């Protein structure tokens, strides 16, 4: 994998903000480069370099990686981030579970 391919993939990560949940277009890279990027994303995830792993998983549309991120965020009670990852993956059952959790949080806020 060359630096140009890596830079191209990382630039395809959306910069519009946290709540954007549409999938960006897949970068135009070779299947071999995509495999190498996913391996790199897994290594970053395992080293707890979550933001870099997230950029790679989203840019390459690696569903399993996005689900792992969603699970991590859900475990940290960051339900909005978890929802975003599950929606992008797509993992509709898990996204629905996050909607239920977020709804419960909003109901509590409204009661207060």
PDB file of N, CA and C in Angstrom:
ATOM      1  N   UNK A   1       0.859  -1.169   0.000  1.00  0.00           N
ATOM      2  CA  UNK A   1       0.000   0.000   0.000  1.00  0.00           C
ATOM      3  C   UNK A   1       0.897   1.222   0.000  1.00  0.00           C
ATOM      4  N   UNK A   2       0.631   2.121  -0.932  1.00  0.00           N
ATOM      5  CA  UNK A   2       1.457   3.318  -0.969  1.00  0.00           C
ATOM      6  C   UNK A   2       0.766   4.475  -0.252  1.00  0.00           C
ATOM      7  N   UNK A   3       1.545   5.501   0.055  1.00  0.00           N
ATOM      8  CA  UNK A   3       1.039   6.639   0.811  1.00  0.00           C
ATOM      9  C   UNK A   3      -0.103   7.341   0.088  1.00  0.00           C
ATOM     10  N   UNK A   4      -0.044   7.395  -1.223  1.00  0.00           N
ATOM     11  CA  UNK A   4      -1.090   8.049  -2.003  1.00  0.00           C
ATOM     12  C   UNK A   4      -2.443   7.363  -1.816  1.00  0.00           C
ATOM     13  N   UNK A   5      -2.441   6.016  -1.850  1.00  0.00           N
ATOM     14  CA  UNK A   5      -3.687   5.274  -1.641  1.00  0.00           C
ATOM     15  C   UNK A   5      -4.231   5.496  -0.231  1.00  0.00           C
ATOM     16  N   UNK A   6      -3.345   5.477   0.755  1.00  0.00           N
ATOM     17  CA  UNK A   6      -3.761   5.687   2.134  1.00  0.00           C
ATOM     18  C   UNK A   6      -4.349   7.075   2.307  1.00  0.00           C
ATOM     19  N   UNK A   7      -3.675   8.081   1.781  1.00  0.00           N
ATOM     20  CA  UNK A   7      -4.176   9.450   1.877  1.00  0.00           C
ATOM     21  C   UNK A   7      -5.529   9.599   1.198  1.00  0.00           C
ATOM     22  N   UNK A   8      -5.704   8.945   0.062  1.00  0.00           N
ATOM     23  CA  UNK A   8      -6.966   9.006  -0.681  1.00  0.00           C
ATOM     24  C   UNK A   8      -8.112   8.450   0.163  1.00  0.00           C
ATOM     25  N   UNK A   9      -7.881   7.333   0.829  1.00  0.00           N
ATOM     26  CA  UNK A   9      -8.914   6.709   1.659  1.00  0.00           C
ATOM     27  C   UNK A   9      -9.239   7.588   2.856  1.00  0.00           C
ATOM     28  N   UNK A  10      -8.220   8.097   3.537  1.00  0.00           N
ATOM     29  CA  UNK A  10      -8.466   8.922   4.719  1.00  0.00           C
ATOM     30  C   UNK A  10      -9.159  10.228   4.363  1.00  0.00           C
ATOM     31  N   UNK A  11      -8.899  10.776   3.176  1.00  0.00           N
ATOM     32  CA  UNK A  11      -9.588  11.998   2.743  1.00  0.00           C
ATOM     33  C   UNK A  11     -11.063  11.749   2.449  1.00  0.00           C
ATOM     34  N   UNK A  12     -11.435  10.496   2.178  1.00  0.00           N
ATOM     35  CA  UNK A  12     -12.840  10.217   1.876  1.00  0.00           C
ATOM     36  C   UNK A  12     -13.705  10.148   3.131  1.00  0.00           C
ATOM     37  N   UNK A  13     -13.080  10.226   4.309  1.00  0.00           N
ATOM     38  CA  UNK A  13     -13.824  10.234   5.567  1.00  0.00           C
ATOM     39  C   UNK A  13     -14.641  11.517   5.640  1.00  0.00           C
ATOM     40  N   UNK A  14     -15.943  11.428   5.949  1.00  0.00           N
ATOM     41  CA  UNK A  14     -16.766  12.638   5.974  1.00  0.00           C
ATOM     42  C   UNK A  14     -16.322  13.590   7.072  1.00  0.00           C
ATOM     43  N   UNK A  15     -16.355  14.881   6.761  1.00  0.00           N
ATOM     44  CA  UNK A  15     -15.953  15.890   7.739  1.00  0.00           C
ATOM     45  C   UNK A  15     -17.131  16.749   8.184  1.00  0.00           C
ATOM     46  N   UNK A  16     -18.328  16.393   7.774  1.00  0.00           N
ATOM     47  CA  UNK A  16     -19.500  17.236   8.038  1.00  0.00           C
ATOM     48  C   UNK A  16     -19.901  17.275   9.495  1.00  0.00           C
ATOM     49  N   UNK A  17     -19.505  16.303  10.265  1.00  0.00           N
ATOM     50  CA  UNK A  17     -19.862  16.333  11.668  1.00  0.00           C
ATOM     51  C   UNK A  17     -20.281  14.981  12.177  1.00  0.00           C
ATOM     52  N   UNK A  18     -20.522  14.960  13.467  1.00  0.00           N
ATOM     53  CA  UNK A  18     -20.759  13.721  14.186  1.00  0.00           C
ATOM     54  C   UNK A  18     -22.031  12.995  13.778  1.00  0.00           C
ATOM     55  N   UNK A  19     -23.089  13.725  13.445  1.00  0.00           N
ATOM     56  CA  UNK A  19     -24.382  13.093  13.215  1.00  0.00           C
ATOM     57  C   UNK A  19     -24.600  12.624  11.783  1.00  0.00           C
ATOM     58  N   UNK A  20     -23.684  12.857  10.899  1.00  0.00           N
ATOM     59  CA  UNK A  20     -23.853  12.384   9.535  1.00  0.00           C
ATOM     60  C   UNK A  20     -23.770  10.862   9.540  1.00  0.00           C
ATOM     61  N   UNK A  21     -24.824  10.203   9.072  1.00  0.00           N
ATOM     62  CA  UNK A  21     -24.835   8.743   9.115  1.00  0.00           C
ATOM     63  C   UNK A  21     -25.008   8.119   7.739  1.00  0.00           C
ATOM     64  N   UNK A  22     -24.852   8.887   6.696  1.00  0.00           N
ATOM     65  CA  UNK A  22     -24.873   8.289   5.367  1.00  0.00           C
ATOM     66  C   UNK A  22     -23.486   7.776   5.044  1.00  0.00           C
ATOM     67  N   UNK A  23     -23.439   6.746   4.248  1.00  0.00           N
ATOM     68  CA  UNK A  23     -22.141   6.160   3.912  1.00  0.00           C
ATOM     69  C   UNK A  23     -21.481   6.950   2.805  1.00  0.00           C
ATOM     70  N   UNK A  24     -20.224   7.325   3.016  1.00  0.00           N
ATOM     71  CA  UNK A  24     -19.514   8.026   1.944  1.00  0.00           C
ATOM     72  C   UNK A  24     -19.243   7.063   0.802  1.00  0.00           C
ATOM     73  N   UNK A  25     -19.013   7.594  -0.388  1.00  0.00           N
ATOM     74  CA  UNK A  25     -18.681   6.689  -1.491  1.00  0.00           C
ATOM     75  C   UNK A  25     -17.395   5.932  -1.177  1.00  0.00           C
ATOM     76  N   UNK A  26     -17.356   4.681  -1.593  1.00  0.00           N
ATOM     77  CA  UNK A  26     -16.150   3.880  -1.360  1.00  0.00           C
ATOM     78  C   UNK A  26     -15.003   4.462  -2.172  1.00  0.00           C
ATOM     79  N   UNK A  27     -13.825   4.509  -1.555  1.00  0.00           N
ATOM     80  CA  UNK A  27     -12.681   5.034  -2.305  1.00  0.00           C
ATOM     81  C   UNK A  27     -12.321   4.105  -3.457  1.00  0.00           C
ATOM     82  N   UNK A  28     -11.748   4.689  -4.472  1.00  0.00           N
ATOM     83  CA  UNK A  28     -11.364   3.918  -5.650  1.00  0.00           C
ATOM     84  C   UNK A  28      -9.947   3.378  -5.453  1.00  0.00           C
ATOM     85  N   UNK A  29      -9.845   2.280  -4.708  1.00  0.00           N
ATOM     86  CA  UNK A  29      -8.550   1.642  -4.457  1.00  0.00           C
ATOM     87  C   UNK A  29      -8.668   0.165  -4.817  1.00  0.00           C
ATOM     88  N   UNK A  30      -7.541  -0.444  -5.014  1.00  0.00           N
ATOM     89  CA  UNK A  30      -7.528  -1.858  -5.383  1.00  0.00           C
ATOM     90  C   UNK A  30      -7.989  -2.719  -4.213  1.00  0.00           C
ATOM     91  N   UNK A  31      -8.503  -3.921  -4.497  1.00  0.00           N
ATOM     92  CA  UNK A  31      -8.904  -4.828  -3.410  1.00  0.00           C
ATOM     93  C   UNK A  31      -7.735  -5.127  -2.458  1.00  0.00           C
ATOM     94  N   UNK A  32      -6.529  -5.216  -2.992  1.00  0.00           N
ATOM     95  CA  UNK A  32      -5.367  -5.489  -2.151  1.00  0.00           C
ATOM     96  C   UNK A  32      -5.115  -4.341  -1.172  1.00  0.00           C
ATOM     97  N   UNK A  33      -5.252  -3.124  -1.660  1.00  0.00           N
ATOM     98  CA  UNK A  33      -5.065  -1.955  -0.807  1.00  0.00           C
ATOM     99  C   UNK A  33      -6.137  -1.907   0.264  1.00  0.00           C
ATOM    100  N   UNK A  34      -7.369  -2.233  -0.122  1.00  0.00           N
ATOM    101  CA  UNK A  34      -8.460  -2.241   0.849  1.00  0.00           C
ATOM    102  C   UNK A  34      -8.178  -3.252   1.960  1.00  0.00           C
ATOM    103  N   UNK A  35      -7.711  -4.427   1.614  1.00  0.00           N
ATOM    104  CA  UNK A  35      -7.381  -5.453   2.613  1.00  0.00           C
ATOM    105  C   UNK A  35      -6.287  -4.943   3.543  1.00  0.00           C
ATOM    106  N   UNK A  36      -5.270  -4.300   2.973  1.00  0.00           N
ATOM    107  CA  UNK A  36      -4.182  -3.772   3.796  1.00  0.00           C
ATOM    108  C   UNK A  36      -4.674  -2.670   4.735  1.00  0.00           C
ATOM    109  N   UNK A  37      -5.560  -1.824   4.234  1.00  0.00           N
ATOM    110  CA  UNK A  37      -6.115  -0.766   5.080  1.00  0.00           C
ATOM    111  C   UNK A  37      -6.936  -1.352   6.224  1.00  0.00           C
ATOM    112  N   UNK A  38      -7.734  -2.362   5.926  1.00  0.00           N
ATOM    113  CA  UNK A  38      -8.544  -2.983   6.979  1.00  0.00           C
ATOM    114  C   UNK A  38      -7.638  -3.619   8.031  1.00  0.00           C
ATOM    115  N   UNK A  39      -6.570  -4.274   7.602  1.00  0.00           N
ATOM    116  CA  UNK A  39      -5.606  -4.839   8.567  1.00  0.00           C
ATOM    117  C   UNK A  39      -5.034  -3.738   9.456  1.00  0.00           C
ATOM    118  N   UNK A  40      -4.680  -2.619   8.824  1.00  0.00           N
ATOM    119  CA  UNK A  40      -4.140  -1.491   9.583  1.00  0.00           C
ATOM    120  C   UNK A  40      -5.187  -0.973  10.569  1.00  0.00           C
ATOM    121  N   UNK A  41      -6.443  -0.881  10.133  1.00  0.00           N
ATOM    122  CA  UNK A  41      -7.518  -0.445  11.019  1.00  0.00           C
ATOM    123  C   UNK A  41      -7.682  -1.369  12.214  1.00  0.00           C
ATOM    124  N   UNK A  42      -7.582  -2.663  11.983  1.00  0.00           N
ATOM    125  CA  UNK A  42      -7.678  -3.632  13.083  1.00  0.00           C
ATOM    126  C   UNK A  42      -6.533  -3.457  14.071  1.00  0.00           C
ATOM    127  N   UNK A  43      -5.337  -3.243  13.542  1.00  0.00           N
ATOM    128  CA  UNK A  43      -4.184  -3.016  14.429  1.00  0.00           C
ATOM    129  C   UNK A  43      -4.385  -1.756  15.270  1.00  0.00           C
ATOM    130  N   UNK A  44      -4.856  -0.698  14.631  1.00  0.00           N
ATOM    131  CA  UNK A  44      -5.113   0.540  15.356  1.00  0.00           C
ATOM    132  C   UNK A  44      -6.181   0.339  16.424  1.00  0.00           C
ATOM    133  N   UNK A  45      -7.237  -0.370  16.093  1.00  0.00           N
ATOM    134  CA  UNK A  45      -8.308  -0.644  17.046  1.00  0.00           C
ATOM    135  C   UNK A  45      -7.748  -1.407  18.248  1.00  0.00           C
ATOM    136  N   UNK A  46      -6.952  -2.432  17.979  1.00  0.00           N
ATOM    137  CA  UNK A  46      -6.385  -3.248  19.055  1.00  0.00           C
ATOM    138  C   UNK A  46      -5.411  -2.471  19.926  1.00  0.00           C
ATOM    139  N   UNK A  47      -4.816  -1.407  19.374  1.00  0.00           N
ATOM    140  CA  UNK A  47      -3.911  -0.540  20.145  1.00  0.00           C
ATOM    141  C   UNK A  47      -4.674   0.634  20.770  1.00  0.00           C
ATOM    142  N   UNK A  48      -6.001   0.582  20.692  1.00  0.00           N
ATOM    143  CA  UNK A  48      -6.879   1.623  21.251  1.00  0.00           C
ATOM    144  C   UNK A  48      -6.693   2.982  20.582  1.00  0.00           C
ATOM    145  N   UNK A  49      -6.266   2.970  19.324  1.00  0.00           N
ATOM    146  CA  UNK A  49      -6.207   4.200  18.537  1.00  0.00           C
ATOM    147  C   UNK A  49      -7.512   4.271  17.747  1.00  0.00           C
ATOM    148  N   UNK A  50      -8.569   4.540  18.475  1.00  0.00           N
ATOM    149  CA  UNK A  50      -9.939   4.372  17.987  1.00  0.00           C
ATOM    150  C   UNK A  50     -10.280   5.324  16.842  1.00  0.00           C
ATOM    151  N   UNK A  51      -9.913   6.584  16.953  1.00  0.00           N
ATOM    152  CA  UNK A  51     -10.293   7.546  15.906  1.00  0.00           C
ATOM    153  C   UNK A  51      -9.653   7.209  14.564  1.00  0.00           C
ATOM    154  N   UNK A  52      -8.395   6.785  14.574  1.00  0.00           N
ATOM    155  CA  UNK A  52      -7.747   6.401  13.322  1.00  0.00           C
ATOM    156  C   UNK A  52      -8.385   5.135  12.752  1.00  0.00           C
ATOM    157  N   UNK A  53      -8.668   4.164  13.627  1.00  0.00           N
ATOM    158  CA  UNK A  53      -9.328   2.932  13.176  1.00  0.00           C
ATOM    159  C   UNK A  53     -10.688   3.266  12.577  1.00  0.00           C
ATOM    160  N   UNK A  54     -11.409   4.168  13.223  1.00  0.00           N
ATOM    161  CA  UNK A  54     -12.738   4.568  12.748  1.00  0.00           C
ATOM    162  C   UNK A  54     -12.651   5.157  11.336  1.00  0.00           C
ATOM    163  N   UNK A  55     -11.672   6.015  11.110  1.00  0.00           N
ATOM    164  CA  UNK A  55     -11.520   6.616   9.783  1.00  0.00           C
ATOM    165  C   UNK A  55     -11.332   5.549   8.716  1.00  0.00           C
ATOM    166  N   UNK A  56     -10.512   4.574   9.018  1.00  0.00           N
ATOM    167  CA  UNK A  56     -10.251   3.509   8.041  1.00  0.00           C
ATOM    168  C   UNK A  56     -11.478   2.628   7.857  1.00  0.00           C
ATOM    169  N   UNK A  57     -12.123   2.222   8.942  1.00  0.00           N
ATOM    170  CA  UNK A  57     -13.283   1.340   8.832  1.00  0.00           C
ATOM    171  C   UNK A  57     -14.415   2.002   8.049  1.00  0.00           C
ATOM    172  N   UNK A  58     -14.661   3.269   8.309  1.00  0.00           N
ATOM    173  CA  UNK A  58     -15.743   3.978   7.599  1.00  0.00           C
ATOM    174  C   UNK A  58     -15.361   4.195   6.139  1.00  0.00           C
ATOM    175  N   UNK A  59     -14.138   4.627   5.898  1.00  0.00           N
ATOM    176  CA  UNK A  59     -13.722   4.905   4.525  1.00  0.00           C
ATOM    177  C   UNK A  59     -13.717   3.653   3.656  1.00  0.00           C
ATOM    178  N   UNK A  60     -13.368   2.511   4.243  1.00  0.00           N
ATOM    179  CA  UNK A  60     -13.328   1.260   3.473  1.00  0.00           C
ATOM    180  C   UNK A  60     -14.650   0.506   3.537  1.00  0.00           C
ATOM    181  N   UNK A  61     -15.599   1.054   4.302  1.00  0.00           N
ATOM    182  CA  UNK A  61     -16.908   0.412   4.489  1.00  0.00           C
ATOM    183  C   UNK A  61     -16.777  -0.985   5.108  1.00  0.00           C
ATOM    184  N   UNK A  62     -15.906  -1.109   6.076  1.00  0.00           N
ATOM    185  CA  UNK A  62     -15.681  -2.384   6.749  1.00  0.00           C
ATOM    186  C   UNK A  62     -16.718  -2.550   7.857  1.00  0.00           C
ATOM    187  N   UNK A  63     -17.794  -3.262   7.550  1.00  0.00           N
ATOM    188  CA  UNK A  63     -18.935  -3.395   8.453  1.00  0.00           C
ATOM    189  C   UNK A  63     -18.560  -3.992   9.802  1.00  0.00           C
ATOM    190  N   UNK A  64     -17.780  -5.058   9.807  1.00  0.00           N
ATOM    191  CA  UNK A  64     -17.415  -5.692  11.079  1.00  0.00           C
ATOM    192  C   UNK A  64     -16.662  -4.718  11.984  1.00  0.00           C
ATOM    193  N   UNK A  65     -15.797  -3.922  11.393  1.00  0.00           N
ATOM    194  CA  UNK A  65     -15.065  -2.934  12.183  1.00  0.00           C
ATOM    195  C   UNK A  65     -15.986  -1.871  12.763  1.00  0.00           C
ATOM    196  N   UNK A  66     -16.949  -1.417  11.958  1.00  0.00           N
ATOM    197  CA  UNK A  66     -17.887  -0.408  12.452  1.00  0.00           C
ATOM    198  C   UNK A  66     -18.766  -0.983  13.555  1.00  0.00           C
ATOM    199  N   UNK A  67     -19.130  -2.255  13.445  1.00  0.00           N
ATOM    200  CA  UNK A  67     -19.916  -2.890  14.503  1.00  0.00           C
ATOM    201  C   UNK A  67     -19.078  -3.009  15.777  1.00  0.00           C
ATOM    202  N   UNK A  68     -17.809  -3.378  15.649  1.00  0.00           N
ATOM    203  CA  UNK A  68     -16.930  -3.440  16.817  1.00  0.00           C
ATOM    204  C   UNK A  68     -16.824  -2.076  17.490  1.00  0.00           C
ATOM    205  N   UNK A  69     -16.719  -1.026  16.676  1.00  0.00           N
ATOM    206  CA  UNK A  69     -16.688   0.322  17.239  1.00  0.00           C
ATOM    207  C   UNK A  69     -17.999   0.647  17.946  1.00  0.00           C
ATOM    208  N   UNK A  70     -19.110   0.288  17.310  1.00  0.00           N
ATOM    209  CA  UNK A  70     -20.416   0.514  17.937  1.00  0.00           C
ATOM    210  C   UNK A  70     -20.524  -0.196  19.272  1.00  0.00           C
ATOM    211  N   UNK A  71     -20.043  -1.426  19.331  1.00  0.00           N
ATOM    212  CA  UNK A  71     -20.069  -2.177  20.587  1.00  0.00           C
ATOM    213  C   UNK A  71     -19.208  -1.493  21.650  1.00  0.00           C
ATOM    214  N   UNK A  72     -18.054  -1.000  21.224  1.00  0.00           N
ATOM    215  CA  UNK A  72     -17.167  -0.287  22.153  1.00  0.00           C
ATOM    216  C   UNK A  72     -17.871   0.948  22.697  1.00  0.00           C
ATOM    217  N   UNK A  73     -18.443   1.747  21.803  1.00  0.00           N
ATOM    218  CA  UNK A  73     -19.145   2.960  22.234  1.00  0.00           C
ATOM    219  C   UNK A  73     -20.340   2.629  23.133  1.00  0.00           C
ATOM    220  N   UNK A  74     -21.081   1.599  22.786  1.00  0.00           N
ATOM    221  CA  UNK A  74     -22.230   1.217  23.617  1.00  0.00           C
ATOM    222  C   UNK A  74     -21.763   0.819  25.016  1.00  0.00           C
ATOM    223  N   UNK A  75     -20.652   0.097  25.093  1.00  0.00           N
ATOM    224  CA  UNK A  75     -20.101  -0.286  26.395  1.00  0.00           C
ATOM    225  C   UNK A  75     -19.663   0.912  27.225  1.00  0.00           C
ATOM    226  N   UNK A  76     -19.310   1.996  26.546  1.00  0.00           N
ATOM    227  CA  UNK A  76     -18.915   3.238  27.219  1.00  0.00           C
ATOM    228  C   UNK A  76     -20.121   4.151  27.457  1.00  0.00           C
ATOM    229  N   UNK A  77     -21.304   3.648  27.134  1.00  0.00           N
ATOM    230  CA  UNK A  77     -22.563   4.397  27.251  1.00  0.00           C
ATOM    231  C   UNK A  77     -22.601   5.641  26.359  1.00  0.00           C
ATOM    232  N   UNK A  78     -21.856   5.600  25.273  1.00  0.00           N
ATOM    233  CA  UNK A  78     -21.883   6.658  24.253  1.00  0.00           C
ATOM    234  C   UNK A  78     -22.834   6.166  23.157  1.00  0.00           C
ATOM    235  N   UNK A  79     -24.125   6.244  23.468  1.00  0.00           N
ATOM    236  CA  UNK A  79     -25.134   5.637  22.609  1.00  0.00           C
ATOM    237  C   UNK A  79     -25.267   6.325  21.260  1.00  0.00           C
ATOM    238  N   UNK A  80     -25.015   7.609  21.207  1.00  0.00           N
ATOM    239  CA  UNK A  80     -25.117   8.318  19.940  1.00  0.00           C
ATOM    240  C   UNK A  80     -24.020   7.870  18.971  1.00  0.00           C
ATOM    241  N   UNK A  81     -22.799   7.727  19.480  1.00  0.00           N
ATOM    242  CA  UNK A  81     -21.703   7.235  18.635  1.00  0.00           C
ATOM    243  C   UNK A  81     -21.952   5.788  18.221  1.00  0.00           C
ATOM    244  N   UNK A  82     -22.468   4.997  19.146  1.00  0.00           N
ATOM    245  CA  UNK A  82     -22.782   3.604  18.830  1.00  0.00           C
ATOM    246  C   UNK A  82     -23.833   3.546  17.729  1.00  0.00           C
ATOM    247  N   UNK A  83     -24.865   4.372  17.856  1.00  0.00           N
ATOM    248  CA  UNK A  83     -25.910   4.415  16.832  1.00  0.00           C
ATOM    249  C   UNK A  83     -25.312   4.762  15.470  1.00  0.00           C
ATOM    250  N   UNK A  84     -24.440   5.755  15.442  1.00  0.00           N
ATOM    251  CA  UNK A  84     -23.823   6.169  14.181  1.00  0.00           C
ATOM    252  C   UNK A  84     -23.097   4.989  13.530  1.00  0.00           C
ATOM    253  N   UNK A  85     -22.304   4.262  14.302  1.00  0.00           N
ATOM    254  CA  UNK A  85     -21.548   3.140  13.739  1.00  0.00           C
ATOM    255  C   UNK A  85     -22.478   2.019  13.275  1.00  0.00           C
ATOM    256  N   UNK A  86     -23.488   1.705  14.062  1.00  0.00           N
ATOM    257  CA  UNK A  86     -24.426   0.647  13.679  1.00  0.00           C
ATOM    258  C   UNK A  86     -25.208   1.032  12.424  1.00  0.00           C
ATOM    259  N   UNK A  87     -25.545   2.303  12.308  1.00  0.00           N
ATOM    260  CA  UNK A  87     -26.285   2.772  11.135  1.00  0.00           C
ATOM    261  C   UNK A  87     -25.412   2.692   9.884  1.00  0.00           C
ATOM    262  N   UNK A  88     -24.146   3.054  10.017  1.00  0.00           N
ATOM    263  CA  UNK A  88     -23.238   3.004   8.880  1.00  0.00           C
ATOM    264  C   UNK A  88     -22.896   1.576   8.477  1.00  0.00           C
ATOM    265  N   UNK A  89     -22.908   0.650   9.411  1.00  0.00           N
ATOM    266  CA  UNK A  89     -22.393  -0.708   9.178  1.00  0.00           C
ATOM    267  C   UNK A  89     -23.038  -1.440   7.999  1.00  0.00           C
ATOM    268  N   UNK A  90     -24.242  -1.580   7.737  1.00  0.00           N
ATOM    269  CA  UNK A  90     -25.420  -1.381   8.571  1.00  0.00           C
ATOM    270  C   UNK A  90     -25.687  -2.588   9.479  1.00  0.00           C
ATOM    271  N   UNK A  91     -26.157  -2.278  10.672  1.00  0.00           N
ATOM    272  CA  UNK A  91     -26.565  -3.294  11.643  1.00  0.00           C
ATOM    273  C   UNK A  91     -27.899  -2.831  12.233  1.00  0.00           C
ATOM    274  N   UNK A  92     -29.005  -3.042  11.492  1.00  0.00           N
ATOM    275  CA  UNK A  92     -30.292  -2.451  11.884  1.00  0.00           C
ATOM    276  C   UNK A  92     -30.786  -2.857  13.268  1.00  0.00           C
ATOM    277  N   UNK A  93     -30.575  -4.100  13.679  1.00  0.00           N
ATOM    278  CA  UNK A  93     -31.041  -4.519  15.009  1.00  0.00           C
ATOM    279  C   UNK A  93     -30.310  -3.756  16.113  1.00  0.00           C
ATOM    280  N   UNK A  94     -29.015  -3.608  15.943  1.00  0.00           N
ATOM    281  CA  UNK A  94     -28.234  -2.883  16.954  1.00  0.00           C
ATOM    282  C   UNK A  94     -28.547  -1.390  16.914  1.00  0.00           C
ATOM    283  N   UNK A  95     -28.770  -0.847  15.725  1.00  0.00           N
ATOM    284  CA  UNK A  95     -29.144   0.569  15.620  1.00  0.00           C
ATOM    285  C   UNK A  95     -30.474   0.805  16.330  1.00  0.00           C
ATOM    286  N   UNK A  96     -31.405  -0.096  16.150  1.00  0.00           N
ATOM    287  CA  UNK A  96     -32.709   0.019  16.815  1.00  0.00           C
ATOM    288  C   UNK A  96     -32.553  -0.025  18.333  1.00  0.00           C
ATOM    289  N   UNK A  97     -31.672  -0.878  18.824  1.00  0.00           N
ATOM    290  CA  UNK A  97     -31.433  -0.952  20.271  1.00  0.00           C
ATOM    291  C   UNK A  97     -30.888   0.381  20.788  1.00  0.00           C
ATOM    292  N   UNK A  98     -30.039   1.026  20.020  1.00  0.00           N
ATOM    293  CA  UNK A  98     -29.500   2.328  20.433  1.00  0.00           C
ATOM    294  C   UNK A  98     -30.588   3.392  20.408  1.00  0.00           C
ATOM    295  N   UNK A  99     -31.501   3.309  19.440  1.00  0.00           N
ATOM    296  CA  UNK A  99     -32.615   4.257  19.405  1.00  0.00           C
ATOM    297  C   UNK A  99     -33.440   4.123  20.678  1.00  0.00           C
ATOM    298  N   UNK A 100     -33.663   2.897  21.106  1.00  0.00           N
ATOM    299  CA  UNK A 100     -34.421   2.673  22.337  1.00  0.00           C
ATOM    300  C   UNK A 100     -33.693   3.272  23.550  1.00  0.00           C
ATOM    301  N   UNK A 101     -32.381   3.089  23.618  1.00  0.00           N
ATOM    302  CA  UNK A 101     -31.606   3.657  24.734  1.00  0.00           C
ATOM    303  C   UNK A 101     -31.636   5.182  24.696  1.00  0.00           C
ATOM    304  N   UNK A 102     -31.458   5.750  23.502  1.00  0.00           N
ATOM    305  CA  UNK A 102     -31.488   7.201  23.373  1.00  0.00           C
ATOM    306  C   UNK A 102     -32.863   7.764  23.725  1.00  0.00           C
ATOM    307  N   UNK A 103     -33.893   7.057  23.355  1.00  0.00           N
ATOM    308  CA  UNK A 103     -35.253   7.476  23.700  1.00  0.00           C
ATOM    309  C   UNK A 103     -35.446   7.483  25.207  1.00  0.00           C
ATOM    310  N   UNK A 104     -34.932   6.471  25.880  1.00  0.00           N
ATOM    311  CA  UNK A 104     -35.034   6.409  27.340  1.00  0.00           C
ATOM    312  C   UNK A 104     -34.291   7.573  27.988  1.00  0.00           C
ATOM    313  N   UNK A 105     -33.135   7.926  27.456  1.00  0.00           N
ATOM    314  CA  UNK A 105     -32.373   9.061  27.986  1.00  0.00           C
ATOM    315  C   UNK A 105     -33.178  10.349  27.824  1.00  0.00           C
ATOM    316  N   UNK A 106     -33.759  10.536  26.640  1.00  0.00           N
ATOM    317  CA  UNK A 106     -34.555  11.744  26.402  1.00  0.00           C
ATOM    318  C   UNK A 106     -35.769  11.805  27.327  1.00  0.00           C
ATOM    319  N   UNK A 107     -36.415  10.680  27.542  1.00  0.00           N
ATOM    320  CA  UNK A 107     -37.567  10.653  28.453  1.00  0.00           C
ATOM    321  C   UNK A 107     -37.151  11.065  29.846  1.00  0.00           C
ATOM    322  N   UNK A 108     -36.012  10.583  30.310  1.00  0.00           N
ATOM    323  CA  UNK A 108     -35.514  10.984  31.643  1.00  0.00           C
ATOM    324  C   UNK A 108     -35.235  12.473  31.709  1.00  0.00           C
ATOM    325  N   UNK A 109     -34.610  13.009  30.659  1.00  0.00           N
ATOM    326  CA  UNK A 109     -34.339  14.445  30.632  1.00  0.00           C
ATOM    327  C   UNK A 109     -35.632  15.256  30.703  1.00  0.00           C
ATOM    328  N   UNK A 110     -36.638  14.805  29.962  1.00  0.00           N
ATOM    329  CA  UNK A 110     -37.914  15.536  29.941  1.00  0.00           C
ATOM    330  C   UNK A 110     -38.620  15.494  31.292  1.00  0.00           C
ATOM    331  N   UNK A 111     -38.462  14.395  32.010  1.00  0.00           N
ATOM    332  CA  UNK A 111     -39.065  14.294  33.344  1.00  0.00           C
ATOM    333  C   UNK A 111     -38.417  15.246  34.321  1.00  0.00           C
ATOM    334  N   UNK A 112     -37.128  15.477  34.159  1.00  0.00           N
ATOM    335  CA  UNK A 112     -36.399  16.374  35.066  1.00  0.00           C
ATOM    336  C   UNK A 112     -36.771  17.781  34.723  1.00  0.00           C
TER     337      UNK A 112
END
